[in-house]
């Protein structure tokens, strides 16, 4: 879905090649509003919106920009492993749940790994 080059990205945003960052931002916002799936129920709205987002990201962040980390995985970089989820109980009265309140909760944090400092 990512554009093959800058010219393709400019074309997806309906801009002339070499447009300034402010023009890129305006075009992205205009097209995103027009093609957002919540506003446009056409069959191709989702694909067009993704194309616009990818073109904007390509022009603003560069060709290696990827929000889901696929490029890092392709480059052989490993993501930091996540630790297990922590669960704690919090008891509230009905009034506190409705009106809100402040509770100080202390969570136990495991020490960083000595080998990987993670």
N, C-alpha and C. Protein backbone atom coordinates (compact mmCIF):
# COMPACT_ATOMS: atom_id res chain seq x y z
N UNK A 1 0.83 -1.19 0.00
CA UNK A 1 0.00 0.00 0.00
C UNK A 1 0.87 1.25 0.00
N UNK A 2 2.13 1.13 0.42
CA UNK A 2 3.00 2.29 0.47
C UNK A 2 3.41 2.69 -0.95
N UNK A 3 3.48 3.99 -1.22
CA UNK A 3 3.87 4.44 -2.56
C UNK A 3 5.27 3.96 -2.91
N UNK A 4 5.49 3.73 -4.20
CA UNK A 4 6.79 3.25 -4.66
C UNK A 4 7.83 4.36 -4.67
N UNK A 5 7.39 5.60 -4.85
CA UNK A 5 8.33 6.72 -4.89
C UNK A 5 7.61 8.01 -4.52
N UNK A 6 8.38 9.09 -4.46
CA UNK A 6 7.81 10.39 -4.05
C UNK A 6 6.76 10.88 -5.05
N UNK A 7 7.00 10.68 -6.34
CA UNK A 7 6.04 11.14 -7.34
C UNK A 7 4.69 10.45 -7.16
N UNK A 8 4.72 9.16 -6.86
CA UNK A 8 3.48 8.42 -6.63
C UNK A 8 2.78 8.94 -5.37
N UNK A 9 3.54 9.28 -4.35
CA UNK A 9 2.96 9.82 -3.11
C UNK A 9 2.32 11.18 -3.36
N UNK A 10 3.01 12.04 -4.13
CA UNK A 10 2.44 13.35 -4.46
C UNK A 10 1.15 13.17 -5.27
N UNK A 11 1.14 12.23 -6.21
CA UNK A 11 -0.05 11.99 -7.02
C UNK A 11 -1.21 11.50 -6.16
N UNK A 12 -0.93 10.65 -5.18
CA UNK A 12 -1.99 10.15 -4.30
C UNK A 12 -2.63 11.28 -3.50
N UNK A 13 -1.83 12.30 -3.19
CA UNK A 13 -2.35 13.46 -2.45
C UNK A 13 -2.82 14.57 -3.39
N UNK A 14 -2.84 14.28 -4.70
CA UNK A 14 -3.28 15.23 -5.72
C UNK A 14 -2.46 16.51 -5.67
N UNK A 15 -1.14 16.36 -5.53
CA UNK A 15 -0.21 17.49 -5.45
C UNK A 15 0.81 17.41 -6.57
N UNK A 16 1.38 18.57 -6.90
CA UNK A 16 2.50 18.60 -7.83
C UNK A 16 3.75 18.15 -7.09
N UNK A 17 4.66 17.43 -7.75
CA UNK A 17 5.90 17.02 -7.10
C UNK A 17 6.66 18.24 -6.56
N UNK A 18 7.20 18.11 -5.38
CA UNK A 18 7.95 19.20 -4.77
C UNK A 18 7.09 20.13 -3.92
N UNK A 19 5.86 19.75 -3.64
CA UNK A 19 4.99 20.59 -2.80
C UNK A 19 5.61 20.76 -1.42
N UNK A 20 5.36 21.90 -0.83
CA UNK A 20 5.90 22.22 0.49
C UNK A 20 5.15 21.46 1.59
N UNK A 21 5.79 21.32 2.77
CA UNK A 21 5.14 20.58 3.87
C UNK A 21 3.75 21.11 4.25
N UNK A 22 3.56 22.42 4.21
CA UNK A 22 2.24 22.98 4.55
C UNK A 22 1.20 22.54 3.52
N UNK A 23 1.58 22.49 2.25
CA UNK A 23 0.66 22.03 1.21
C UNK A 23 0.34 20.55 1.37
N UNK A 24 1.34 19.76 1.74
CA UNK A 24 1.14 18.33 1.97
C UNK A 24 0.14 18.12 3.10
N UNK A 25 0.31 18.88 4.17
CA UNK A 25 -0.57 18.76 5.32
C UNK A 25 -2.01 19.14 4.95
N UNK A 26 -2.17 20.26 4.22
CA UNK A 26 -3.51 20.68 3.81
C UNK A 26 -4.17 19.65 2.91
N UNK A 27 -3.42 19.13 1.94
CA UNK A 27 -3.97 18.14 1.02
C UNK A 27 -4.36 16.87 1.77
N UNK A 28 -3.51 16.45 2.70
CA UNK A 28 -3.81 15.24 3.48
C UNK A 28 -5.10 15.43 4.27
N UNK A 29 -5.23 16.55 4.95
CA UNK A 29 -6.43 16.79 5.76
C UNK A 29 -7.68 16.85 4.89
N UNK A 30 -7.58 17.53 3.76
CA UNK A 30 -8.72 17.65 2.85
C UNK A 30 -9.16 16.28 2.34
N UNK A 31 -8.19 15.50 1.87
CA UNK A 31 -8.52 14.18 1.32
C UNK A 31 -8.94 13.19 2.40
N UNK A 32 -8.32 13.28 3.57
CA UNK A 32 -8.69 12.38 4.67
C UNK A 32 -10.13 12.63 5.10
N UNK A 33 -10.53 13.90 5.12
CA UNK A 33 -11.93 14.21 5.47
C UNK A 33 -12.88 13.66 4.41
N UNK A 34 -12.50 13.76 3.15
CA UNK A 34 -13.36 13.30 2.06
C UNK A 34 -13.46 11.78 2.03
N UNK A 35 -12.35 11.08 2.26
CA UNK A 35 -12.31 9.64 2.07
C UNK A 35 -12.37 8.82 3.35
N UNK A 36 -12.46 9.46 4.51
CA UNK A 36 -12.50 8.69 5.76
C UNK A 36 -13.72 7.76 5.73
N UNK A 37 -13.52 6.48 6.08
CA UNK A 37 -14.62 5.51 6.01
C UNK A 37 -15.83 5.88 6.87
N UNK A 38 -15.64 6.67 7.92
CA UNK A 38 -16.78 7.09 8.73
C UNK A 38 -17.64 8.14 8.01
N UNK A 39 -17.05 8.84 7.04
CA UNK A 39 -17.77 9.88 6.32
C UNK A 39 -18.15 9.46 4.91
N UNK A 40 -17.45 8.49 4.37
CA UNK A 40 -17.68 8.06 3.00
C UNK A 40 -17.97 6.56 3.01
N UNK A 41 -19.16 6.20 2.62
CA UNK A 41 -19.55 4.79 2.68
C UNK A 41 -19.30 4.05 1.37
N UNK A 42 -18.59 4.67 0.45
CA UNK A 42 -18.29 4.01 -0.82
C UNK A 42 -17.43 2.78 -0.62
N UNK A 43 -17.49 1.87 -1.59
CA UNK A 43 -16.75 0.62 -1.49
C UNK A 43 -15.24 0.82 -1.45
N UNK A 44 -14.76 1.83 -2.15
CA UNK A 44 -13.31 2.03 -2.21
C UNK A 44 -12.80 3.05 -1.19
N UNK A 45 -13.65 3.51 -0.27
CA UNK A 45 -13.25 4.54 0.69
C UNK A 45 -12.12 4.06 1.59
N UNK A 46 -12.19 2.84 2.08
CA UNK A 46 -11.16 2.34 2.99
C UNK A 46 -9.81 2.26 2.28
N UNK A 47 -9.81 1.71 1.07
CA UNK A 47 -8.55 1.59 0.33
C UNK A 47 -7.98 2.96 -0.02
N UNK A 48 -8.84 3.87 -0.43
CA UNK A 48 -8.37 5.21 -0.80
C UNK A 48 -7.84 5.94 0.44
N UNK A 49 -8.51 5.79 1.58
CA UNK A 49 -8.04 6.43 2.80
C UNK A 49 -6.67 5.88 3.20
N UNK A 50 -6.49 4.58 3.11
CA UNK A 50 -5.19 3.98 3.44
C UNK A 50 -4.11 4.46 2.49
N UNK A 51 -4.45 4.61 1.23
CA UNK A 51 -3.50 5.11 0.24
C UNK A 51 -3.09 6.55 0.57
N UNK A 52 -4.04 7.37 0.95
CA UNK A 52 -3.76 8.76 1.32
C UNK A 52 -2.88 8.80 2.56
N UNK A 53 -3.19 8.00 3.56
CA UNK A 53 -2.39 7.97 4.79
C UNK A 53 -0.97 7.51 4.50
N UNK A 54 -0.83 6.46 3.69
CA UNK A 54 0.50 5.95 3.36
C UNK A 54 1.31 6.99 2.59
N UNK A 55 0.66 7.69 1.66
CA UNK A 55 1.36 8.73 0.90
C UNK A 55 1.81 9.86 1.81
N UNK A 56 0.95 10.27 2.73
CA UNK A 56 1.31 11.33 3.68
C UNK A 56 2.48 10.89 4.55
N UNK A 57 2.40 9.68 5.09
CA UNK A 57 3.49 9.18 5.94
C UNK A 57 4.79 9.09 5.15
N UNK A 58 4.72 8.67 3.91
CA UNK A 58 5.91 8.55 3.06
C UNK A 58 6.57 9.91 2.87
N UNK A 59 5.75 10.94 2.62
CA UNK A 59 6.30 12.27 2.37
C UNK A 59 6.77 12.96 3.64
N UNK A 60 6.10 12.71 4.75
CA UNK A 60 6.45 13.40 6.00
C UNK A 60 7.55 12.68 6.76
N UNK A 61 7.45 11.36 6.86
CA UNK A 61 8.41 10.59 7.67
C UNK A 61 9.50 9.93 6.85
N UNK A 62 9.25 9.72 5.59
CA UNK A 62 10.23 9.05 4.75
C UNK A 62 9.76 7.67 4.37
N UNK A 63 10.42 7.05 3.39
CA UNK A 63 9.95 5.76 2.88
C UNK A 63 10.03 4.61 3.88
N UNK A 64 10.85 4.72 4.91
CA UNK A 64 10.99 3.62 5.87
C UNK A 64 9.98 3.70 7.00
N UNK A 65 9.13 4.73 7.03
CA UNK A 65 8.17 4.90 8.12
C UNK A 65 7.14 3.79 8.08
N UNK A 66 6.93 3.16 9.22
CA UNK A 66 5.97 2.08 9.32
C UNK A 66 5.52 1.98 10.76
N UNK A 67 4.24 2.24 11.02
CA UNK A 67 3.74 2.28 12.39
C UNK A 67 3.69 0.93 13.07
N UNK A 68 3.56 -0.15 12.32
CA UNK A 68 3.40 -1.44 12.98
C UNK A 68 4.70 -2.21 13.13
N UNK A 69 5.84 -1.61 12.83
CA UNK A 69 7.12 -2.23 13.10
C UNK A 69 7.56 -3.27 12.09
N UNK A 70 6.89 -3.38 10.95
CA UNK A 70 7.28 -4.39 9.97
C UNK A 70 8.68 -4.13 9.43
N UNK A 71 9.04 -2.85 9.24
CA UNK A 71 10.36 -2.54 8.72
C UNK A 71 11.45 -2.95 9.71
N UNK A 72 11.21 -2.76 10.99
CA UNK A 72 12.19 -3.16 11.99
C UNK A 72 12.38 -4.67 11.97
N UNK A 73 11.30 -5.40 11.82
CA UNK A 73 11.40 -6.86 11.75
C UNK A 73 12.12 -7.29 10.49
N UNK A 74 11.85 -6.61 9.38
CA UNK A 74 12.51 -6.96 8.12
C UNK A 74 14.00 -6.66 8.19
N UNK A 75 14.37 -5.65 8.96
CA UNK A 75 15.78 -5.28 9.08
C UNK A 75 16.50 -6.17 10.09
N UNK A 76 15.79 -7.09 10.71
CA UNK A 76 16.41 -8.01 11.66
C UNK A 76 16.48 -7.47 13.07
N UNK A 77 15.82 -6.35 13.33
CA UNK A 77 15.82 -5.78 14.68
C UNK A 77 14.70 -6.43 15.48
N UNK A 78 15.04 -6.92 16.63
CA UNK A 78 14.03 -7.57 17.47
C UNK A 78 13.37 -6.53 18.37
N UNK A 79 12.09 -6.66 18.55
CA UNK A 79 11.37 -5.79 19.47
C UNK A 79 11.66 -6.24 20.89
N UNK A 80 11.61 -5.31 21.83
CA UNK A 80 11.81 -5.66 23.23
C UNK A 80 10.66 -6.54 23.69
N UNK A 81 10.96 -7.64 24.34
CA UNK A 81 9.88 -8.50 24.81
C UNK A 81 9.12 -7.82 25.95
N UNK A 82 7.83 -8.02 25.96
CA UNK A 82 7.00 -7.45 27.02
C UNK A 82 6.93 -8.42 28.18
N UNK A 83 6.82 -7.87 29.35
CA UNK A 83 6.65 -8.69 30.53
C UNK A 83 5.20 -9.11 30.68
N UNK A 84 4.92 -9.91 31.67
CA UNK A 84 3.54 -10.35 31.88
C UNK A 84 2.67 -9.18 32.36
N UNK A 85 1.38 -9.25 32.08
CA UNK A 85 0.44 -8.23 32.54
C UNK A 85 0.36 -8.27 34.06
N UNK A 86 0.17 -7.10 34.65
CA UNK A 86 -0.03 -7.02 36.10
C UNK A 86 -1.50 -6.77 36.37
N UNK A 87 -2.02 -7.43 37.37
CA UNK A 87 -3.42 -7.25 37.75
C UNK A 87 -3.47 -6.88 39.22
N UNK A 88 -4.26 -5.87 39.52
CA UNK A 88 -4.46 -5.42 40.88
C UNK A 88 -5.95 -5.19 41.10
N UNK A 89 -6.40 -5.38 42.31
CA UNK A 89 -7.80 -5.13 42.64
C UNK A 89 -7.94 -3.73 43.23
N UNK A 90 -9.03 -3.08 42.92
CA UNK A 90 -9.32 -1.76 43.45
C UNK A 90 -10.79 -1.77 43.87
N UNK A 91 -11.04 -1.49 45.12
CA UNK A 91 -12.39 -1.50 45.64
C UNK A 91 -12.89 -0.08 45.78
N UNK A 92 -14.07 0.19 45.21
CA UNK A 92 -14.69 1.50 45.27
C UNK A 92 -16.11 1.36 45.79
N UNK A 93 -16.58 2.43 46.42
CA UNK A 93 -17.99 2.48 46.77
C UNK A 93 -18.76 2.92 45.52
N UNK A 94 -20.05 2.75 45.52
CA UNK A 94 -20.87 3.17 44.40
C UNK A 94 -20.74 4.68 44.18
N UNK A 95 -20.71 5.43 45.27
CA UNK A 95 -20.58 6.89 45.17
C UNK A 95 -19.26 7.28 44.52
N UNK A 96 -18.17 6.60 44.90
CA UNK A 96 -16.86 6.89 44.31
C UNK A 96 -16.84 6.55 42.82
N UNK A 97 -17.50 5.47 42.46
CA UNK A 97 -17.53 5.08 41.06
C UNK A 97 -18.31 6.08 40.22
N UNK A 98 -19.36 6.65 40.79
CA UNK A 98 -20.18 7.61 40.05
C UNK A 98 -19.55 9.00 40.06
N UNK A 99 -19.17 9.48 41.24
CA UNK A 99 -18.69 10.86 41.37
C UNK A 99 -17.20 11.01 41.12
N UNK A 100 -16.47 9.92 41.19
CA UNK A 100 -15.02 10.00 41.02
C UNK A 100 -14.33 10.13 42.36
N UNK A 101 -13.07 10.00 42.35
CA UNK A 101 -12.28 10.10 43.57
C UNK A 101 -10.83 9.82 43.25
N UNK A 102 -10.00 9.90 44.28
CA UNK A 102 -8.57 9.68 44.09
C UNK A 102 -8.15 8.53 44.99
N UNK A 103 -7.47 7.57 44.43
CA UNK A 103 -6.92 6.46 45.19
C UNK A 103 -5.46 6.31 44.81
N UNK A 104 -4.60 6.22 45.79
CA UNK A 104 -3.18 5.99 45.52
C UNK A 104 -2.97 4.49 45.50
N UNK A 105 -2.43 4.00 44.42
CA UNK A 105 -2.21 2.57 44.26
C UNK A 105 -0.73 2.34 44.01
N UNK A 106 -0.13 1.49 44.79
CA UNK A 106 1.28 1.16 44.59
C UNK A 106 1.36 -0.17 43.87
N UNK A 107 2.13 -0.19 42.80
CA UNK A 107 2.31 -1.41 42.01
C UNK A 107 3.72 -1.91 42.18
N UNK A 108 3.86 -3.20 42.30
CA UNK A 108 5.19 -3.80 42.39
C UNK A 108 5.80 -3.82 41.00
N UNK A 109 7.02 -3.33 40.89
CA UNK A 109 7.73 -3.35 39.61
C UNK A 109 8.88 -4.31 39.69
N UNK A 110 8.97 -5.19 38.75
CA UNK A 110 10.12 -6.10 38.75
C UNK A 110 11.40 -5.32 38.42
N UNK A 111 12.49 -5.82 38.91
CA UNK A 111 13.78 -5.19 38.62
C UNK A 111 14.17 -5.44 37.17
N UNK A 112 14.93 -4.53 36.57
CA UNK A 112 15.37 -4.75 35.19
C UNK A 112 16.26 -5.99 35.08
N UNK A 113 16.20 -6.61 33.94
CA UNK A 113 17.01 -7.78 33.65
C UNK A 113 18.48 -7.36 33.62
N UNK A 114 19.32 -8.08 34.33
CA UNK A 114 20.74 -7.75 34.39
C UNK A 114 21.42 -7.99 33.05
N UNK A 115 21.01 -9.04 32.34
CA UNK A 115 21.65 -9.39 31.08
C UNK A 115 21.34 -8.41 29.95
N UNK A 116 20.06 -8.03 29.81
CA UNK A 116 19.69 -7.19 28.67
C UNK A 116 19.32 -5.77 29.09
N UNK A 117 19.31 -5.46 30.37
CA UNK A 117 18.95 -4.15 30.91
C UNK A 117 17.53 -3.77 30.51
N UNK A 118 16.69 -4.76 30.29
CA UNK A 118 15.31 -4.50 29.86
C UNK A 118 14.33 -4.76 30.95
